Amino acid sequence: MSDISEEDTEISFPVKFLGRVEVLRPDGLQVLEEAARSLKTSESDSSEKAAKKSRVHIFLSLSGIDILENKTKFLLYTCPLATVSYCAVLPSSARVFGFVARHPAADVYHCYLFQSKKFAHVMVSAVGDIFRASKKEETVRGGRDLIVEALRHKNKVLQKENAELRRRLAA
């Protein structure tokens, strides 16, 4: 999964969505652990029967992470890759993983937690691969921009030189 071609622009994982919790810091295992505890206490505090954990699909792409409801394919959350600051598997539970992302409109961080028997470590690895691929894409794009700018400058210099030679030829 470390090589992401242009044809493989997104990867999808079926997982259980445990919830989203507002957090104070943008990264660290402690943030994930606190968010998981917060979700557990909010479930146990509710007098209603705990809602069944909803099944979702996580779509990873170079643009970000999208969370879609499994049955309706309704977009629950979208997190641009630039807003994601941390992703890891919980040490206390190898099936639980999450990521922290900054809200695009407010200066608030949310921790998104998921559960998967098969995909927890794969998901975290894939997010890392997506980050590396996006950095390469930015580097390539930035490198191309520098080349284009250098060619524009060279073109201006040659145009001035050409104008000077035409002037001399006319005289």
N, C-alpha and C. Protein backbone atom coordinates (compact mmCIF):
# COMPACT_ATOMS: atom_id res chain seq x y z
N MET A 1 0.80 -1.20 0.00
CA MET A 1 0.00 0.00 0.00
C MET A 1 0.83 1.26 0.00
N SER A 2 2.13 1.12 0.04
CA SER A 2 2.94 2.32 0.12
C SER A 2 3.02 3.05 -1.21
N ASP A 3 2.76 2.39 -2.33
CA ASP A 3 2.77 3.05 -3.62
C ASP A 3 1.34 3.36 -4.02
N ILE A 4 1.07 4.64 -4.20
CA ILE A 4 -0.28 5.06 -4.58
C ILE A 4 -0.19 5.68 -5.96
N SER A 5 -0.77 5.02 -6.94
CA SER A 5 -0.73 5.55 -8.28
C SER A 5 -1.87 6.54 -8.47
N GLU A 6 -1.81 7.25 -9.60
CA GLU A 6 -2.86 8.23 -9.86
C GLU A 6 -4.21 7.54 -10.07
N GLU A 7 -4.20 6.28 -10.53
CA GLU A 7 -5.45 5.57 -10.73
C GLU A 7 -6.08 5.17 -9.39
N ASP A 8 -5.24 4.87 -8.40
CA ASP A 8 -5.74 4.47 -7.08
C ASP A 8 -5.84 5.71 -6.20
N THR A 9 -6.77 6.60 -6.52
CA THR A 9 -6.81 7.87 -5.83
C THR A 9 -7.52 7.81 -4.49
N GLU A 10 -8.24 6.72 -4.21
CA GLU A 10 -8.83 6.61 -2.89
C GLU A 10 -8.91 5.16 -2.46
N ILE A 11 -8.86 5.01 -1.13
CA ILE A 11 -8.90 3.69 -0.50
C ILE A 11 -10.07 3.71 0.47
N SER A 12 -10.81 2.61 0.55
CA SER A 12 -11.98 2.56 1.42
C SER A 12 -11.83 1.44 2.44
N PHE A 13 -12.27 1.72 3.69
CA PHE A 13 -12.25 0.72 4.76
C PHE A 13 -13.62 0.67 5.43
N PRO A 14 -14.21 -0.53 5.56
CA PRO A 14 -15.44 -0.64 6.36
C PRO A 14 -15.08 -0.80 7.84
N VAL A 15 -15.58 0.08 8.70
CA VAL A 15 -15.27 0.06 10.13
C VAL A 15 -16.49 0.46 10.93
N LYS A 16 -16.39 0.32 12.26
CA LYS A 16 -17.42 0.82 13.17
C LYS A 16 -16.99 2.20 13.67
N PHE A 17 -17.90 3.14 13.59
CA PHE A 17 -17.62 4.50 14.05
C PHE A 17 -18.03 4.59 15.52
N LEU A 18 -17.06 4.84 16.39
CA LEU A 18 -17.34 4.92 17.82
C LEU A 18 -17.80 6.32 18.22
N GLY A 19 -17.32 7.32 17.52
CA GLY A 19 -17.76 8.67 17.82
C GLY A 19 -16.70 9.72 17.57
N ARG A 20 -17.13 10.96 17.76
CA ARG A 20 -16.25 12.11 17.59
C ARG A 20 -16.29 12.91 18.89
N VAL A 21 -15.11 13.28 19.37
CA VAL A 21 -14.99 13.99 20.64
C VAL A 21 -14.12 15.22 20.44
N GLU A 22 -14.55 16.34 21.01
CA GLU A 22 -13.71 17.54 20.96
C GLU A 22 -12.55 17.34 21.92
N VAL A 23 -11.34 17.67 21.46
CA VAL A 23 -10.13 17.51 22.28
C VAL A 23 -9.39 18.85 22.34
N LEU A 24 -8.52 18.96 23.33
CA LEU A 24 -7.81 20.23 23.54
C LEU A 24 -6.51 20.33 22.76
N ARG A 25 -5.86 19.18 22.53
CA ARG A 25 -4.55 19.19 21.87
C ARG A 25 -4.65 18.49 20.51
N PRO A 26 -3.75 18.84 19.59
CA PRO A 26 -3.84 18.26 18.25
C PRO A 26 -3.19 16.90 18.06
N ASP A 27 -2.42 16.41 19.05
CA ASP A 27 -1.76 15.13 18.83
C ASP A 27 -1.39 14.42 20.11
N GLY A 28 -1.01 13.15 19.96
CA GLY A 28 -0.54 12.35 21.08
C GLY A 28 -1.47 11.19 21.41
N LEU A 29 -0.85 10.09 21.85
CA LEU A 29 -1.63 8.92 22.25
C LEU A 29 -2.55 9.24 23.42
N GLN A 30 -2.09 10.12 24.30
CA GLN A 30 -2.90 10.49 25.46
C GLN A 30 -4.22 11.13 25.02
N VAL A 31 -4.18 11.91 23.95
CA VAL A 31 -5.40 12.53 23.43
C VAL A 31 -6.39 11.46 22.98
N LEU A 32 -5.88 10.43 22.26
CA LEU A 32 -6.75 9.35 21.82
C LEU A 32 -7.33 8.57 23.00
N GLU A 33 -6.48 8.29 23.99
CA GLU A 33 -6.93 7.55 25.18
C GLU A 33 -8.03 8.34 25.92
N GLU A 34 -7.81 9.65 26.09
CA GLU A 34 -8.80 10.48 26.78
C GLU A 34 -10.12 10.53 26.00
N ALA A 35 -10.03 10.61 24.68
CA ALA A 35 -11.24 10.63 23.85
C ALA A 35 -12.00 9.31 23.97
N ALA A 36 -11.27 8.19 23.98
CA ALA A 36 -11.91 6.88 24.13
C ALA A 36 -12.60 6.77 25.49
N ARG A 37 -11.91 7.23 26.56
CA ARG A 37 -12.54 7.21 27.89
C ARG A 37 -13.78 8.10 27.92
N SER A 38 -13.69 9.25 27.30
CA SER A 38 -14.83 10.17 27.25
C SER A 38 -16.03 9.52 26.56
N LEU A 39 -15.78 8.81 25.47
CA LEU A 39 -16.88 8.12 24.78
C LEU A 39 -17.48 7.01 25.64
N LYS A 40 -16.63 6.27 26.35
CA LYS A 40 -17.13 5.19 27.21
C LYS A 40 -17.98 5.74 28.35
N THR A 41 -17.53 6.82 28.97
CA THR A 41 -18.31 7.38 30.09
C THR A 41 -19.60 8.00 29.60
N SER A 42 -19.61 8.60 28.41
CA SER A 42 -20.86 9.18 27.91
C SER A 42 -21.86 8.08 27.56
N GLU A 43 -21.38 6.92 27.10
CA GLU A 43 -22.27 5.80 26.82
C GLU A 43 -22.84 5.22 28.11
N SER A 44 -22.00 5.08 29.15
CA SER A 44 -22.47 4.49 30.39
C SER A 44 -23.35 5.46 31.18
N ASP A 45 -23.16 6.77 31.00
CA ASP A 45 -23.97 7.76 31.71
C ASP A 45 -25.38 7.86 31.15
N SER A 46 -25.55 7.55 29.86
CA SER A 46 -26.87 7.70 29.26
C SER A 46 -27.81 6.63 29.82
N SER A 47 -29.03 7.06 30.14
CA SER A 47 -30.00 6.13 30.69
C SER A 47 -30.61 5.26 29.60
N GLU A 48 -30.54 5.75 28.35
CA GLU A 48 -31.07 4.95 27.25
C GLU A 48 -30.11 3.80 26.96
N LYS A 49 -30.65 2.82 26.27
CA LYS A 49 -29.80 1.71 25.84
C LYS A 49 -28.76 2.29 24.87
N ALA A 50 -27.52 1.92 25.05
CA ALA A 50 -26.44 2.48 24.22
C ALA A 50 -26.73 2.20 22.75
N ALA A 51 -26.60 3.23 21.97
CA ALA A 51 -26.84 3.09 20.54
C ALA A 51 -25.81 2.15 19.94
N LYS A 52 -26.29 1.33 19.01
CA LYS A 52 -25.38 0.40 18.36
C LYS A 52 -24.36 1.21 17.56
N LYS A 53 -23.12 0.80 17.66
CA LYS A 53 -22.06 1.51 16.95
C LYS A 53 -22.37 1.46 15.45
N SER A 54 -22.34 2.61 14.82
CA SER A 54 -22.72 2.65 13.41
C SER A 54 -21.58 2.20 12.51
N ARG A 55 -21.95 1.48 11.48
CA ARG A 55 -20.98 1.04 10.48
C ARG A 55 -20.80 2.18 9.49
N VAL A 56 -19.55 2.43 9.15
CA VAL A 56 -19.22 3.48 8.19
C VAL A 56 -18.15 2.99 7.23
N HIS A 57 -17.94 3.74 6.20
CA HIS A 57 -16.82 3.53 5.29
C HIS A 57 -15.93 4.76 5.41
N ILE A 58 -14.64 4.52 5.59
CA ILE A 58 -13.67 5.61 5.59
C ILE A 58 -13.02 5.61 4.22
N PHE A 59 -13.07 6.74 3.55
CA PHE A 59 -12.42 6.90 2.26
C PHE A 59 -11.20 7.79 2.44
N LEU A 60 -10.03 7.24 2.09
CA LEU A 60 -8.78 7.99 2.15
C LEU A 60 -8.39 8.40 0.74
N SER A 61 -8.00 9.65 0.59
CA SER A 61 -7.50 10.13 -0.71
C SER A 61 -6.46 11.20 -0.44
N LEU A 62 -5.82 11.65 -1.50
CA LEU A 62 -4.81 12.70 -1.34
C LEU A 62 -5.43 14.01 -0.86
N SER A 63 -6.74 14.15 -1.03
CA SER A 63 -7.39 15.39 -0.57
C SER A 63 -7.84 15.32 0.89
N GLY A 64 -8.07 14.10 1.43
CA GLY A 64 -8.50 14.03 2.81
C GLY A 64 -9.14 12.71 3.20
N ILE A 65 -9.83 12.75 4.33
CA ILE A 65 -10.51 11.57 4.88
C ILE A 65 -12.00 11.87 4.93
N ASP A 66 -12.78 11.01 4.27
CA ASP A 66 -14.24 11.15 4.28
C ASP A 66 -14.83 9.97 5.04
N ILE A 67 -15.85 10.26 5.85
CA ILE A 67 -16.53 9.23 6.62
C ILE A 67 -17.98 9.19 6.13
N LEU A 68 -18.36 8.05 5.53
CA LEU A 68 -19.70 7.89 4.97
C LEU A 68 -20.47 6.83 5.73
N GLU A 69 -21.74 7.09 5.98
CA GLU A 69 -22.63 6.12 6.62
C GLU A 69 -22.76 4.93 5.68
N ASN A 70 -22.71 3.73 6.23
CA ASN A 70 -22.62 2.51 5.41
C ASN A 70 -23.83 2.29 4.51
N LYS A 71 -25.03 2.34 5.06
CA LYS A 71 -26.22 1.99 4.28
C LYS A 71 -26.63 3.09 3.31
N THR A 72 -26.68 4.33 3.78
CA THR A 72 -27.18 5.42 2.95
C THR A 72 -26.09 6.11 2.13
N LYS A 73 -24.82 5.86 2.47
CA LYS A 73 -23.66 6.53 1.85
C LYS A 73 -23.71 8.05 2.09
N PHE A 74 -24.42 8.46 3.14
CA PHE A 74 -24.49 9.86 3.53
C PHE A 74 -23.15 10.29 4.11
N LEU A 75 -22.63 11.42 3.68
CA LEU A 75 -21.34 11.92 4.16
C LEU A 75 -21.51 12.47 5.57
N LEU A 76 -20.93 11.79 6.56
CA LEU A 76 -21.02 12.24 7.94
C LEU A 76 -20.01 13.34 8.23
N TYR A 77 -18.76 13.09 7.86
CA TYR A 77 -17.68 14.05 8.12
C TYR A 77 -16.69 14.01 6.96
N THR A 78 -16.08 15.13 6.72
CA THR A 78 -14.97 15.20 5.78
C THR A 78 -13.85 16.00 6.43
N CYS A 79 -12.66 15.47 6.38
CA CYS A 79 -11.51 16.12 7.00
C CYS A 79 -10.42 16.28 5.95
N PRO A 80 -10.20 17.50 5.47
CA PRO A 80 -9.09 17.71 4.52
C PRO A 80 -7.78 17.24 5.14
N LEU A 81 -6.92 16.68 4.33
CA LEU A 81 -5.68 16.10 4.83
C LEU A 81 -4.84 17.13 5.59
N ALA A 82 -4.91 18.37 5.18
CA ALA A 82 -4.12 19.42 5.84
C ALA A 82 -4.59 19.67 7.27
N THR A 83 -5.82 19.27 7.61
CA THR A 83 -6.33 19.50 8.97
C THR A 83 -6.02 18.34 9.91
N VAL A 84 -5.64 17.18 9.37
CA VAL A 84 -5.37 16.00 10.19
C VAL A 84 -3.97 16.14 10.81
N SER A 85 -3.92 16.03 12.14
CA SER A 85 -2.64 16.25 12.83
C SER A 85 -2.08 14.98 13.48
N TYR A 86 -2.90 13.94 13.64
CA TYR A 86 -2.41 12.75 14.33
C TYR A 86 -3.29 11.56 14.00
N CYS A 87 -2.69 10.37 13.92
CA CYS A 87 -3.43 9.13 13.67
C CYS A 87 -2.68 7.99 14.32
N ALA A 88 -3.38 7.13 15.07
CA ALA A 88 -2.71 6.00 15.74
C ALA A 88 -3.73 4.97 16.19
N VAL A 89 -3.19 3.80 16.53
CA VAL A 89 -3.97 2.73 17.14
C VAL A 89 -3.81 2.89 18.65
N LEU A 90 -4.89 2.69 19.40
CA LEU A 90 -4.81 2.79 20.86
C LEU A 90 -3.98 1.64 21.42
N PRO A 91 -3.01 1.92 22.26
CA PRO A 91 -2.20 0.85 22.85
C PRO A 91 -3.04 -0.07 23.75
N SER A 92 -4.07 0.48 24.38
CA SER A 92 -4.89 -0.31 25.29
C SER A 92 -5.87 -1.22 24.56
N SER A 93 -6.13 -0.95 23.29
CA SER A 93 -7.05 -1.77 22.51
C SER A 93 -6.60 -1.77 21.05
N ALA A 94 -6.06 -2.89 20.62
CA ALA A 94 -5.49 -2.98 19.27
C ALA A 94 -6.54 -2.88 18.16
N ARG A 95 -7.81 -2.98 18.52
CA ARG A 95 -8.88 -2.88 17.52
C ARG A 95 -9.36 -1.45 17.32
N VAL A 96 -8.98 -0.55 18.21
CA VAL A 96 -9.48 0.83 18.17
C VAL A 96 -8.38 1.74 17.64
N PHE A 97 -8.76 2.57 16.69
CA PHE A 97 -7.83 3.57 16.15
C PHE A 97 -8.58 4.87 15.95
N GLY A 98 -7.83 5.93 15.79
CA GLY A 98 -8.46 7.22 15.59
C GLY A 98 -7.50 8.23 15.01
N PHE A 99 -8.07 9.36 14.66
CA PHE A 99 -7.25 10.47 14.19
C PHE A 99 -7.80 11.77 14.75
N VAL A 100 -6.93 12.76 14.81
CA VAL A 100 -7.30 14.08 15.31
C VAL A 100 -7.23 15.04 14.13
N ALA A 101 -8.27 15.87 14.00
CA ALA A 101 -8.31 16.85 12.92
C ALA A 101 -8.84 18.17 13.45
N ARG A 102 -8.32 19.24 12.89
CA ARG A 102 -8.77 20.59 13.24
C ARG A 102 -10.02 20.89 12.42
N HIS A 103 -11.01 21.49 13.06
CA HIS A 103 -12.21 21.90 12.34
C HIS A 103 -11.82 23.00 11.36
N PRO A 104 -12.24 22.91 10.10
CA PRO A 104 -11.78 23.89 9.11
C PRO A 104 -12.25 25.33 9.38
N ALA A 105 -13.40 25.49 10.03
CA ALA A 105 -13.92 26.84 10.25
C ALA A 105 -13.64 27.40 11.64
N ALA A 106 -13.39 26.53 12.60
CA ALA A 106 -13.18 26.98 13.98
C ALA A 106 -11.83 26.47 14.47
N ASP A 107 -11.32 27.11 15.50
CA ASP A 107 -10.04 26.68 16.07
C ASP A 107 -10.30 25.60 17.13
N VAL A 108 -10.85 24.47 16.68
CA VAL A 108 -11.24 23.37 17.56
C VAL A 108 -10.72 22.07 16.95
N TYR A 109 -10.27 21.16 17.81
CA TYR A 109 -9.80 19.85 17.35
C TYR A 109 -10.81 18.79 17.75
N HIS A 110 -11.02 17.82 16.85
CA HIS A 110 -11.90 16.69 17.13
C HIS A 110 -11.11 15.40 16.94
N CYS A 111 -11.41 14.44 17.79
CA CYS A 111 -10.82 13.12 17.68
C CYS A 111 -11.91 12.18 17.18
N TYR A 112 -11.64 11.50 16.09
CA TYR A 112 -12.57 10.55 15.49
C TYR A 112 -12.07 9.15 15.83
N LEU A 113 -12.93 8.35 16.45
CA LEU A 113 -12.53 7.01 16.88
C LEU A 113 -13.32 5.92 16.15
N PHE A 114 -12.60 4.85 15.81
CA PHE A 114 -13.19 3.74 15.04
C PHE A 114 -12.74 2.42 15.64
N GLN A 115 -13.48 1.37 15.29
CA GLN A 115 -13.12 0.03 15.74
C GLN A 115 -13.15 -0.90 14.53
N SER A 116 -12.12 -1.73 14.45
CA SER A 116 -12.05 -2.71 13.37
C SER A 116 -11.17 -3.87 13.79
N LYS A 117 -11.69 -5.09 13.59
CA LYS A 117 -10.90 -6.28 13.93
C LYS A 117 -9.71 -6.43 12.99
N LYS A 118 -9.92 -6.11 11.71
CA LYS A 118 -8.91 -6.38 10.70
C LYS A 118 -8.09 -5.16 10.29
N PHE A 119 -8.69 -3.98 10.31
CA PHE A 119 -8.09 -2.85 9.61
C PHE A 119 -7.46 -1.76 10.49
N ALA A 120 -7.41 -1.92 11.78
CA ALA A 120 -6.90 -0.83 12.63
C ALA A 120 -5.47 -0.43 12.25
N HIS A 121 -4.56 -1.38 12.25
CA HIS A 121 -3.16 -1.07 11.93
C HIS A 121 -3.00 -0.71 10.45
N VAL A 122 -3.76 -1.38 9.58
CA VAL A 122 -3.70 -1.10 8.16
C VAL A 122 -4.17 0.34 7.89
N MET A 123 -5.23 0.74 8.56
CA MET A 123 -5.77 2.08 8.38
C MET A 123 -4.75 3.14 8.77
N VAL A 124 -4.11 2.98 9.92
CA VAL A 124 -3.12 3.95 10.38
C VAL A 124 -1.94 4.00 9.41
N SER A 125 -1.52 2.84 8.93
CA SER A 125 -0.44 2.78 7.95
C SER A 125 -0.84 3.47 6.65
N ALA A 126 -2.07 3.26 6.22
CA ALA A 126 -2.56 3.88 4.98
C ALA A 126 -2.61 5.40 5.11
N VAL A 127 -3.02 5.90 6.28
CA VAL A 127 -3.04 7.35 6.49
C VAL A 127 -1.62 7.91 6.38
N GLY A 128 -0.66 7.20 6.95
CA GLY A 128 0.74 7.61 6.83
C GLY A 128 1.20 7.63 5.38
N ASP A 129 0.79 6.60 4.63
CA ASP A 129 1.15 6.54 3.21
C ASP A 129 0.53 7.69 2.43
N ILE A 130 -0.71 8.02 2.76
CA ILE A 130 -1.40 9.13 2.08
C ILE A 130 -0.66 10.44 2.37
N PHE A 131 -0.23 10.63 3.64
CA PHE A 131 0.52 11.84 3.98
C PHE A 131 1.82 11.91 3.18
N ARG A 132 2.55 10.81 3.11
CA ARG A 132 3.80 10.79 2.35
C ARG A 132 3.54 11.07 0.87
N ALA A 133 2.50 10.46 0.32
CA ALA A 133 2.17 10.68 -1.09
C ALA A 133 1.78 12.13 -1.34
N SER A 134 1.04 12.72 -0.42
CA SER A 134 0.63 14.12 -0.61
C SER A 134 1.84 15.05 -0.52
N LYS A 135 2.79 14.73 0.34
CA LYS A 135 4.01 15.54 0.45
C LYS A 135 4.81 15.44 -0.84
N LYS A 136 4.91 14.22 -1.42
CA LYS A 136 5.61 14.06 -2.69
C LYS A 136 4.90 14.85 -3.77
N GLU A 137 3.57 14.81 -3.77
CA GLU A 137 2.78 15.56 -4.76
C GLU A 137 3.05 17.05 -4.64
N GLU A 138 3.09 17.56 -3.39
CA GLU A 138 3.38 18.98 -3.16
C GLU A 138 4.79 19.31 -3.64
N THR A 139 5.75 18.43 -3.36
CA THR A 139 7.13 18.66 -3.77
C THR A 139 7.23 18.68 -5.29
N VAL A 140 6.57 17.73 -5.94
CA VAL A 140 6.60 17.69 -7.40
C VAL A 140 5.93 18.94 -7.95
N ARG A 141 4.76 19.30 -7.40
CA ARG A 141 4.06 20.49 -7.85
C ARG A 141 4.92 21.72 -7.63
N GLY A 142 5.53 21.82 -6.46
CA GLY A 142 6.40 22.95 -6.15
C GLY A 142 7.60 22.99 -7.06
N GLY A 143 8.19 21.83 -7.35
CA GLY A 143 9.32 21.75 -8.26
C GLY A 143 8.94 22.18 -9.66
N ARG A 144 7.76 21.76 -10.10
CA ARG A 144 7.28 22.17 -11.42
C ARG A 144 7.06 23.67 -11.47
N ASP A 145 6.52 24.25 -10.40
CA ASP A 145 6.31 25.69 -10.35
C ASP A 145 7.62 26.43 -10.48
N LEU A 146 8.67 25.95 -9.82
CA LEU A 146 9.98 26.58 -9.91
C LEU A 146 10.53 26.49 -11.33
N ILE A 147 10.36 25.34 -11.97
CA ILE A 147 10.83 25.17 -13.34
C ILE A 147 10.10 26.12 -14.28
N VAL A 148 8.78 26.20 -14.14
CA VAL A 148 8.00 27.10 -14.98
C VAL A 148 8.44 28.55 -14.77
N GLU A 149 8.63 28.93 -13.53
CA GLU A 149 9.08 30.30 -13.23
C GLU A 149 10.46 30.58 -13.82
N ALA A 150 11.36 29.61 -13.72
CA ALA A 150 12.70 29.76 -14.30
C ALA A 150 12.61 29.91 -15.82
N LEU A 151 11.75 29.13 -16.46
CA LEU A 151 11.58 29.23 -17.91
C LEU A 151 10.99 30.58 -18.31
N ARG A 152 10.05 31.09 -17.53
CA ARG A 152 9.48 32.41 -17.81
C ARG A 152 10.56 33.49 -17.75
N HIS A 153 11.40 33.41 -16.73
CA HIS A 153 12.49 34.37 -16.57
C HIS A 153 13.45 34.28 -17.76
N LYS A 154 13.81 33.06 -18.12
CA LYS A 154 14.72 32.84 -19.25
C LYS A 154 14.11 33.40 -20.53
N ASN A 155 12.80 33.21 -20.70
CA ASN A 155 12.08 33.73 -21.87
C ASN A 155 12.16 35.26 -21.92
N LYS A 156 11.97 35.93 -20.78
CA LYS A 156 12.05 37.39 -20.73
C LYS A 156 13.45 37.87 -21.11
N VAL A 157 14.46 37.21 -20.57
CA VAL A 157 15.85 37.58 -20.87
C VAL A 157 16.12 37.41 -22.37
N LEU A 158 15.67 36.31 -22.95
CA LEU A 158 15.89 36.07 -24.38
C LEU A 158 15.11 37.07 -25.24
N GLN A 159 13.90 37.45 -24.81
CA GLN A 159 13.13 38.45 -25.55
C GLN A 159 13.85 39.80 -25.56
N LYS A 160 14.41 40.19 -24.40
CA LYS A 160 15.16 41.45 -24.33
C LYS A 160 16.39 41.38 -25.23
N GLU A 161 17.09 40.26 -25.18
CA GLU A 161 18.29 40.07 -26.02
C GLU A 161 17.91 40.13 -27.49
N ASN A 162 16.80 39.48 -27.86
CA ASN A 162 16.32 39.48 -29.23
C ASN A 162 15.97 40.90 -29.68
N ALA A 163 15.28 41.66 -28.83
CA ALA A 163 14.92 43.05 -29.17
C ALA A 163 16.18 43.89 -29.37
N GLU A 164 17.18 43.70 -28.52
CA GLU A 164 18.45 44.44 -28.64
C GLU A 164 19.14 44.07 -29.95
N LEU A 165 19.17 42.81 -30.35
CA LEU A 165 19.79 42.39 -31.59
C LEU A 165 19.03 42.95 -32.82
N ARG A 166 17.71 42.99 -32.75
CA ARG A 166 16.92 43.58 -33.83
C ARG A 166 17.22 45.07 -33.98
N ARG A 167 17.36 45.75 -32.84
CA ARG A 167 17.66 47.18 -32.87
C ARG A 167 19.02 47.42 -33.53
N ARG A 168 20.00 46.60 -33.15
CA ARG A 168 21.35 46.73 -33.73
C ARG A 168 21.33 46.45 -35.23
N LEU A 169 20.56 45.44 -35.61
CA LEU A 169 20.48 45.05 -37.03
C LEU A 169 19.84 46.15 -37.87
N ALA A 170 18.84 46.81 -37.29
CA ALA A 170 18.15 47.89 -37.99
C ALA A 170 19.07 49.11 -38.13
N ALA A 171 19.96 49.32 -37.19
CA ALA A 171 20.86 50.49 -37.22
C ALA A 171 22.01 50.26 -38.10
